[in-house]
N, C-alpha and C. Protein backbone atom coordinates (compact mmCIF):
# COMPACT_ATOMS: atom_id res chain seq x y z
N MET A 1 -60.67 94.70 137.11
CA MET A 1 -60.03 95.16 138.36
C MET A 1 -59.14 96.37 138.07
N ASP A 2 -59.18 97.35 138.94
CA ASP A 2 -58.36 98.55 138.71
C ASP A 2 -56.89 98.28 139.04
N SER A 3 -56.02 98.88 138.27
CA SER A 3 -54.58 98.66 138.52
C SER A 3 -54.22 99.23 139.90
N GLU A 4 -54.92 100.28 140.30
CA GLU A 4 -54.63 100.87 141.62
C GLU A 4 -55.01 99.91 142.73
N LEU A 5 -56.18 99.29 142.58
CA LEU A 5 -56.64 98.36 143.60
C LEU A 5 -55.71 97.16 143.66
N MET A 6 -55.33 96.66 142.49
CA MET A 6 -54.43 95.50 142.44
C MET A 6 -53.08 95.86 143.08
N HIS A 7 -52.61 97.07 142.78
CA HIS A 7 -51.32 97.50 143.33
C HIS A 7 -51.41 97.57 144.86
N SER A 8 -52.55 98.02 145.35
CA SER A 8 -52.74 98.14 146.80
C SER A 8 -52.74 96.76 147.44
N ILE A 9 -53.43 95.82 146.80
CA ILE A 9 -53.50 94.45 147.34
C ILE A 9 -52.13 93.79 147.28
N VAL A 10 -51.47 93.92 146.14
CA VAL A 10 -50.14 93.31 145.98
C VAL A 10 -49.17 93.91 146.99
N GLY A 11 -49.18 95.22 147.12
CA GLY A 11 -48.28 95.88 148.07
C GLY A 11 -48.60 95.47 149.50
N SER A 12 -49.86 95.24 149.78
CA SER A 12 -50.26 94.85 151.14
C SER A 12 -49.88 93.40 151.41
N TYR A 13 -49.72 92.63 150.34
CA TYR A 13 -49.39 91.21 150.51
C TYR A 13 -47.89 90.98 150.45
N HIS A 14 -47.16 91.96 149.89
CA HIS A 14 -45.71 91.77 149.75
C HIS A 14 -44.93 92.57 150.78
N LYS A 15 -45.55 93.62 151.33
CA LYS A 15 -44.81 94.45 152.29
C LYS A 15 -45.15 94.10 153.75
N PRO A 16 -46.41 94.06 154.10
CA PRO A 16 -46.81 93.75 155.48
C PRO A 16 -46.17 92.48 156.02
N PRO A 17 -46.20 91.37 155.28
CA PRO A 17 -45.62 90.11 155.77
C PRO A 17 -44.22 90.31 156.37
N GLU A 18 -43.37 91.03 155.66
CA GLU A 18 -41.99 91.18 156.17
C GLU A 18 -41.93 92.22 157.29
N ARG A 19 -42.80 93.22 157.24
CA ARG A 19 -42.73 94.30 158.24
C ARG A 19 -43.67 94.00 159.41
N VAL A 20 -44.49 92.99 159.27
CA VAL A 20 -45.45 92.68 160.35
C VAL A 20 -45.04 91.40 161.06
N PHE A 21 -44.48 90.46 160.29
CA PHE A 21 -44.08 89.18 160.89
C PHE A 21 -42.75 89.32 161.63
N VAL A 22 -41.81 90.04 161.02
CA VAL A 22 -40.50 90.21 161.67
C VAL A 22 -40.64 90.94 163.00
N PRO A 23 -41.25 92.14 163.01
CA PRO A 23 -41.44 92.88 164.25
C PRO A 23 -42.22 92.07 165.28
N SER A 24 -43.19 91.32 164.83
CA SER A 24 -44.03 90.52 165.75
C SER A 24 -43.15 89.48 166.46
N PHE A 25 -42.28 88.83 165.71
CA PHE A 25 -41.44 87.78 166.30
C PHE A 25 -40.33 88.40 167.15
N THR A 26 -39.88 89.57 166.74
CA THR A 26 -38.80 90.22 167.51
C THR A 26 -39.34 90.79 168.82
N GLN A 27 -40.57 91.29 168.78
CA GLN A 27 -41.17 91.88 170.00
C GLN A 27 -41.57 90.77 170.96
N ASN A 28 -41.99 89.64 170.43
CA ASN A 28 -42.42 88.54 171.31
C ASN A 28 -41.20 87.77 171.75
């Protein structure tokens, strides 16, 4: 596995949750 791909997956799993779940709950 490429370190770039892993970094993209890890970043997508560690950043979106807080920036996607919080705004979603605040908007709803």
